[in-house]
Amino acid sequence: MSTIEFNEMLLSNAEFLKPFTATLTHDQDDARDLYQETLCKALANQDKYHEGTNIKAWLYTIMRNIFINHYRRRAKQRTIFDHTPNEFLLNQGAHAVHNEALSTISLKEMQAAIYKLPALFRNPFLLYFEGYRYNEIAKALHEPLGTIKSRIHFARKLLKKQINRS
């Protein structure tokens, strides 16, 4: 497909994008920016378009991906700059909360309670506590995902009873 044919096809289908931009952004200026960036990206990636592919779906996908990337970028930019001499970055959304439960339960008491759990519950709970995801634990223990989730749930319930912190 030649560049001229692609450009004509792009322009003839571009108007269908405008309502979708308004739905995503809820702001006229952002909608225009998203529309323009989508068309620019489509032109830049013309070589990735395969003739016969639904051009509208291809353009909608480009637009949706641009919108998601901008959303994620904005979420990361919610960081403010502190102009103190040390120049720390402070996260605006995070709030420190004092947790009395951590101060009243000793680490030894918690470890003892974990090791009193039956092995059926203890093993998946320890892996979860170490930071593994449910699906990783399921693969490692050769168990179904739902079984792992319920065992970790019951391990938490048993720990609450053992520590008397229901």
C-alpha atoms as a PDB file:
ATOM      1  CA  MET A   1       0.000   0.000   0.000  1.00  0.00           C
ATOM      2  CA  SER A   2       1.402   3.368  -0.967  1.00  0.00           C
ATOM      3  CA  THR A   3       1.754   6.277   1.419  1.00  0.00           C
ATOM      4  CA  ILE A   4      -0.870   8.278  -0.475  1.00  0.00           C
ATOM      5  CA  GLU A   5      -3.412   5.441  -0.222  1.00  0.00           C
ATOM      6  CA  PHE A   6      -2.672   5.006   3.480  1.00  0.00           C
ATOM      7  CA  ASN A   7      -3.053   8.744   4.139  1.00  0.00           C
ATOM      8  CA  GLU A   8      -6.384   8.854   2.305  1.00  0.00           C
ATOM      9  CA  MET A   9      -7.667   5.843   4.224  1.00  0.00           C
ATOM     10  CA  LEU A  10      -6.452   7.369   7.486  1.00  0.00           C
ATOM     11  CA  LEU A  11      -8.169  10.703   6.826  1.00  0.00           C
ATOM     12  CA  SER A  12     -11.421   9.062   5.775  1.00  0.00           C
ATOM     13  CA  ASN A  13     -11.549   7.063   9.048  1.00  0.00           C
ATOM     14  CA  ALA A  14     -10.091   9.642  11.422  1.00  0.00           C
ATOM     15  CA  GLU A  15     -13.405  11.386  12.211  1.00  0.00           C
ATOM     16  CA  PHE A  16     -14.656   8.262  13.995  1.00  0.00           C
ATOM     17  CA  LEU A  17     -11.954   8.808  16.623  1.00  0.00           C
ATOM     18  CA  LYS A  18     -13.219  12.173  17.892  1.00  0.00           C
ATOM     19  CA  PRO A  19     -16.161  10.857  19.971  1.00  0.00           C
ATOM     20  CA  PHE A  20     -13.886   8.215  21.497  1.00  0.00           C
ATOM     21  CA  THR A  21     -11.332  10.857  22.537  1.00  0.00           C
ATOM     22  CA  ALA A  22     -14.050  12.823  24.315  1.00  0.00           C
ATOM     23  CA  THR A  23     -15.208   9.670  26.104  1.00  0.00           C
ATOM     24  CA  LEU A  24     -11.703   8.865  27.311  1.00  0.00           C
ATOM     25  CA  THR A  25     -10.516  12.303  28.376  1.00  0.00           C
ATOM     26  CA  HIS A  26     -13.660  14.268  29.365  1.00  0.00           C
ATOM     27  CA  ASP A  27     -11.755  17.421  28.395  1.00  0.00           C
ATOM     28  CA  GLN A  28     -11.765  19.205  25.008  1.00  0.00           C
ATOM     29  CA  ASP A  29      -8.102  20.174  25.021  1.00  0.00           C
ATOM     30  CA  ASP A  30      -6.938  16.737  26.114  1.00  0.00           C
ATOM     31  CA  ALA A  31      -9.243  15.166  23.527  1.00  0.00           C
ATOM     32  CA  ARG A  32      -7.703  17.247  20.726  1.00  0.00           C
ATOM     33  CA  ASP A  33      -4.201  16.373  21.923  1.00  0.00           C
ATOM     34  CA  LEU A  34      -5.046  12.678  22.062  1.00  0.00           C
ATOM     35  CA  TYR A  35      -6.615  12.809  18.587  1.00  0.00           C
ATOM     36  CA  GLN A  36      -3.582  14.561  17.125  1.00  0.00           C
ATOM     37  CA  GLU A  37      -1.102  12.258  18.839  1.00  0.00           C
ATOM     38  CA  THR A  38      -3.017   9.207  17.600  1.00  0.00           C
ATOM     39  CA  LEU A  39      -2.864  10.396  13.994  1.00  0.00           C
ATOM     40  CA  CYS A  40       0.829  11.235  14.314  1.00  0.00           C
ATOM     41  CA  LYS A  41       1.594   7.827  15.776  1.00  0.00           C
ATOM     42  CA  ALA A  42      -0.450   6.123  13.040  1.00  0.00           C
ATOM     43  CA  LEU A  43       1.517   7.987  10.377  1.00  0.00           C
ATOM     44  CA  ALA A  44       4.811   7.146  12.055  1.00  0.00           C
ATOM     45  CA  ASN A  45       3.875   3.465  12.262  1.00  0.00           C
ATOM     46  CA  GLN A  46       2.399   3.106   8.795  1.00  0.00           C
ATOM     47  CA  ASP A  47       4.775   0.212   8.102  1.00  0.00           C
ATOM     48  CA  LYS A  48       3.153  -1.781  10.933  1.00  0.00           C
ATOM     49  CA  TYR A  49      -0.307  -1.549   9.397  1.00  0.00           C
ATOM     50  CA  HIS A  50      -1.154  -4.656   7.373  1.00  0.00           C
ATOM     51  CA  GLU A  51      -3.382  -4.129   4.378  1.00  0.00           C
ATOM     52  CA  GLY A  52      -6.815  -5.621   4.928  1.00  0.00           C
ATOM     53  CA  THR A  53      -6.734  -5.006   8.695  1.00  0.00           C
ATOM     54  CA  ASN A  54      -9.621  -3.018  10.138  1.00  0.00           C
ATOM     55  CA  ILE A  55      -8.170   0.499  10.164  1.00  0.00           C
ATOM     56  CA  LYS A  56     -10.689   1.771  12.728  1.00  0.00           C
ATOM     57  CA  ALA A  57      -9.788  -0.948  15.219  1.00  0.00           C
ATOM     58  CA  TRP A  58      -6.090  -0.288  14.585  1.00  0.00           C
ATOM     59  CA  LEU A  59      -6.559   3.431  15.269  1.00  0.00           C
ATOM     60  CA  TYR A  60      -8.718   2.805  18.356  1.00  0.00           C
ATOM     61  CA  THR A  61      -5.994   0.516  19.742  1.00  0.00           C
ATOM     62  CA  ILE A  62      -3.310   3.158  19.167  1.00  0.00           C
ATOM     63  CA  MET A  63      -5.484   5.769  20.875  1.00  0.00           C
ATOM     64  CA  ARG A  64      -6.309   3.588  23.844  1.00  0.00           C
ATOM     65  CA  ASN A  65      -2.626   2.710  24.360  1.00  0.00           C
ATOM     66  CA  ILE A  66      -1.602   6.374  24.211  1.00  0.00           C
ATOM     67  CA  PHE A  67      -4.309   7.251  26.741  1.00  0.00           C
ATOM     68  CA  ILE A  68      -3.222   4.458  29.116  1.00  0.00           C
ATOM     69  CA  ASN A  69       0.434   5.494  28.865  1.00  0.00           C
ATOM     70  CA  HIS A  70      -0.466   9.113  29.646  1.00  0.00           C
ATOM     71  CA  TYR A  71      -2.596   8.013  32.597  1.00  0.00           C
ATOM     72  CA  ARG A  72       0.262   5.945  34.036  1.00  0.00           C
ATOM     73  CA  ARG A  73       2.719   8.770  33.465  1.00  0.00           C
ATOM     74  CA  ARG A  74       0.439  11.211  35.328  1.00  0.00           C
ATOM     75  CA  ALA A  75       0.109   8.805  38.233  1.00  0.00           C
ATOM     76  CA  LYS A  76       3.900   8.670  38.547  1.00  0.00           C
ATOM     77  CA  GLN A  77       4.174  12.458  38.298  1.00  0.00           C
ATOM     78  CA  ARG A  78       2.177  13.038  41.451  1.00  0.00           C
ATOM     79  CA  THR A  79       5.494  13.606  43.127  1.00  0.00           C
ATOM     80  CA  ILE A  80       6.419  17.034  44.398  1.00  0.00           C
ATOM     81  CA  PHE A  81       9.874  18.508  44.722  1.00  0.00           C
ATOM     82  CA  ASP A  82      10.978  19.692  48.135  1.00  0.00           C
ATOM     83  CA  HIS A  83      13.400  22.616  47.984  1.00  0.00           C
ATOM     84  CA  THR A  84      15.148  21.840  51.246  1.00  0.00           C
ATOM     85  CA  PRO A  85      18.944  21.614  51.128  1.00  0.00           C
ATOM     86  CA  ASN A  86      18.798  17.818  50.811  1.00  0.00           C
ATOM     87  CA  GLU A  87      16.338  18.009  47.875  1.00  0.00           C
ATOM     88  CA  PHE A  88      14.182  15.008  48.717  1.00  0.00           C
ATOM     89  CA  LEU A  89      11.396  13.770  46.469  1.00  0.00           C
ATOM     90  CA  LEU A  90       8.167  13.477  48.401  1.00  0.00           C
ATOM     91  CA  ASN A  91       5.245  11.372  47.282  1.00  0.00           C
ATOM     92  CA  GLN A  92       2.164  13.524  47.530  1.00  0.00           C
ATOM     93  CA  GLY A  93      -0.304  10.632  47.757  1.00  0.00           C
ATOM     94  CA  ALA A  94       1.406   8.643  50.509  1.00  0.00           C
ATOM     95  CA  HIS A  95       0.478   9.237  54.125  1.00  0.00           C
ATOM     96  CA  ALA A  96       2.252   7.719  57.115  1.00  0.00           C
ATOM     97  CA  VAL A  97      -0.065   6.134  59.629  1.00  0.00           C
ATOM     98  CA  HIS A  98       0.980   4.914  63.056  1.00  0.00           C
ATOM     99  CA  ASN A  99       0.094   1.261  63.436  1.00  0.00           C
ATOM    100  CA  GLU A 100      -0.222   0.178  67.060  1.00  0.00           C
ATOM    101  CA  ALA A 101      -0.568  -3.487  66.122  1.00  0.00           C
ATOM    102  CA  LEU A 102       3.050  -3.629  64.995  1.00  0.00           C
ATOM    103  CA  SER A 103       4.275  -2.239  68.279  1.00  0.00           C
ATOM    104  CA  THR A 104       2.232  -4.618  70.433  1.00  0.00           C
ATOM    105  CA  ILE A 105       3.143  -7.830  68.615  1.00  0.00           C
ATOM    106  CA  SER A 106       6.738  -8.906  68.834  1.00  0.00           C
ATOM    107  CA  LEU A 107       8.479 -10.487  65.874  1.00  0.00           C
ATOM    108  CA  LYS A 108       9.165 -13.661  67.848  1.00  0.00           C
ATOM    109  CA  GLU A 109       5.501 -13.937  68.782  1.00  0.00           C
ATOM    110  CA  MET A 110       4.528 -13.598  65.120  1.00  0.00           C
ATOM    111  CA  GLN A 111       7.076 -16.187  63.958  1.00  0.00           C
ATOM    112  CA  ALA A 112       5.950 -18.620  66.645  1.00  0.00           C
ATOM    113  CA  ALA A 113       2.347 -18.208  65.535  1.00  0.00           C
ATOM    114  CA  ILE A 114       3.287 -18.807  61.898  1.00  0.00           C
ATOM    115  CA  TYR A 115       5.212 -21.978  62.705  1.00  0.00           C
ATOM    116  CA  LYS A 116       2.285 -23.302  64.769  1.00  0.00           C
ATOM    117  CA  LEU A 117       0.173 -23.307  61.616  1.00  0.00           C
ATOM    118  CA  PRO A 118      -0.401 -26.694  59.974  1.00  0.00           C
ATOM    119  CA  ALA A 119       2.072 -27.271  57.104  1.00  0.00           C
ATOM    120  CA  LEU A 120      -0.847 -27.247  54.671  1.00  0.00           C
ATOM    121  CA  PHE A 121      -1.420 -23.548  55.432  1.00  0.00           C
ATOM    122  CA  ARG A 122       2.058 -22.537  56.612  1.00  0.00           C
ATOM    123  CA  ASN A 123       3.951 -23.263  53.363  1.00  0.00           C
ATOM    124  CA  PRO A 124       1.782 -21.174  51.025  1.00  0.00           C
ATOM    125  CA  PHE A 125       1.502 -18.408  53.632  1.00  0.00           C
ATOM    126  CA  LEU A 126       5.285 -18.174  54.075  1.00  0.00           C
ATOM    127  CA  LEU A 127       5.802 -17.943  50.323  1.00  0.00           C
ATOM    128  CA  TYR A 128       3.131 -15.244  50.113  1.00  0.00           C
ATOM    129  CA  PHE A 129       4.685 -13.421  53.067  1.00  0.00           C
ATOM    130  CA  GLU A 130       8.066 -13.488  51.279  1.00  0.00           C
ATOM    131  CA  GLY A 131       6.520 -11.644  48.338  1.00  0.00           C
ATOM    132  CA  TYR A 132       5.629 -14.359  45.855  1.00  0.00           C
ATOM    133  CA  ARG A 133       2.432 -13.960  43.866  1.00  0.00           C
ATOM    134  CA  TYR A 134      -0.454 -16.383  44.076  1.00  0.00           C
ATOM    135  CA  ASN A 135       0.206 -17.887  40.644  1.00  0.00           C
ATOM    136  CA  GLU A 136       3.917 -18.348  41.428  1.00  0.00           C
ATOM    137  CA  ILE A 137       3.052 -20.149  44.670  1.00  0.00           C
ATOM    138  CA  ALA A 138       0.541 -22.352  42.847  1.00  0.00           C
ATOM    139  CA  LYS A 139       3.179 -23.386  40.301  1.00  0.00           C
ATOM    140  CA  ALA A 140       5.819 -24.012  42.973  1.00  0.00           C
ATOM    141  CA  LEU A 141       3.516 -26.152  45.114  1.00  0.00           C
ATOM    142  CA  HIS A 142       1.771 -27.804  42.140  1.00  0.00           C
ATOM    143  CA  GLU A 143      -1.662 -26.797  43.426  1.00  0.00           C
ATOM    144  CA  PRO A 144      -4.594 -24.992  41.776  1.00  0.00           C
ATOM    145  CA  LEU A 145      -4.666 -21.208  42.161  1.00  0.00           C
ATOM    146  CA  GLY A 146      -7.971 -21.204  44.070  1.00  0.00           C
ATOM    147  CA  THR A 147      -6.611 -23.715  46.573  1.00  0.00           C
ATOM    148  CA  ILE A 148      -3.590 -21.525  47.265  1.00  0.00           C
ATOM    149  CA  LYS A 149      -5.757 -18.433  47.747  1.00  0.00           C
ATOM    150  CA  SER A 150      -8.049 -20.197  50.208  1.00  0.00           C
ATOM    151  CA  ARG A 151      -5.139 -21.689  52.170  1.00  0.00           C
ATOM    152  CA  ILE A 152      -3.527 -18.280  52.565  1.00  0.00           C
ATOM    153  CA  HIS A 153      -6.883 -16.842  53.612  1.00  0.00           C
ATOM    154  CA  PHE A 154      -7.373 -19.563  56.256  1.00  0.00           C
ATOM    155  CA  ALA A 155      -3.774 -19.119  57.435  1.00  0.00           C
ATOM    156  CA  ARG A 156      -4.520 -15.445  58.098  1.00  0.00           C
ATOM    157  CA  LYS A 157      -7.665 -16.357  60.031  1.00  0.00           C
ATOM    158  CA  LEU A 158      -5.767 -18.878  62.151  1.00  0.00           C
ATOM    159  CA  LEU A 159      -3.009 -16.347  62.846  1.00  0.00           C
ATOM    160  CA  LYS A 160      -5.569 -13.805  64.026  1.00  0.00           C
ATOM    161  CA  LYS A 161      -7.013 -16.342  66.444  1.00  0.00           C
ATOM    162  CA  GLN A 162      -3.583 -17.379  67.732  1.00  0.00           C
ATOM    163  CA  ILE A 163      -2.501 -13.810  68.388  1.00  0.00           C
ATOM    164  CA  ASN A 164      -5.944 -12.867  69.828  1.00  0.00           C
ATOM    165  CA  ARG A 165      -6.304  -9.835  67.532  1.00  0.00           C
ATOM    166  CA  SER A 166      -9.588 -10.594  65.735  1.00  0.00           C
END
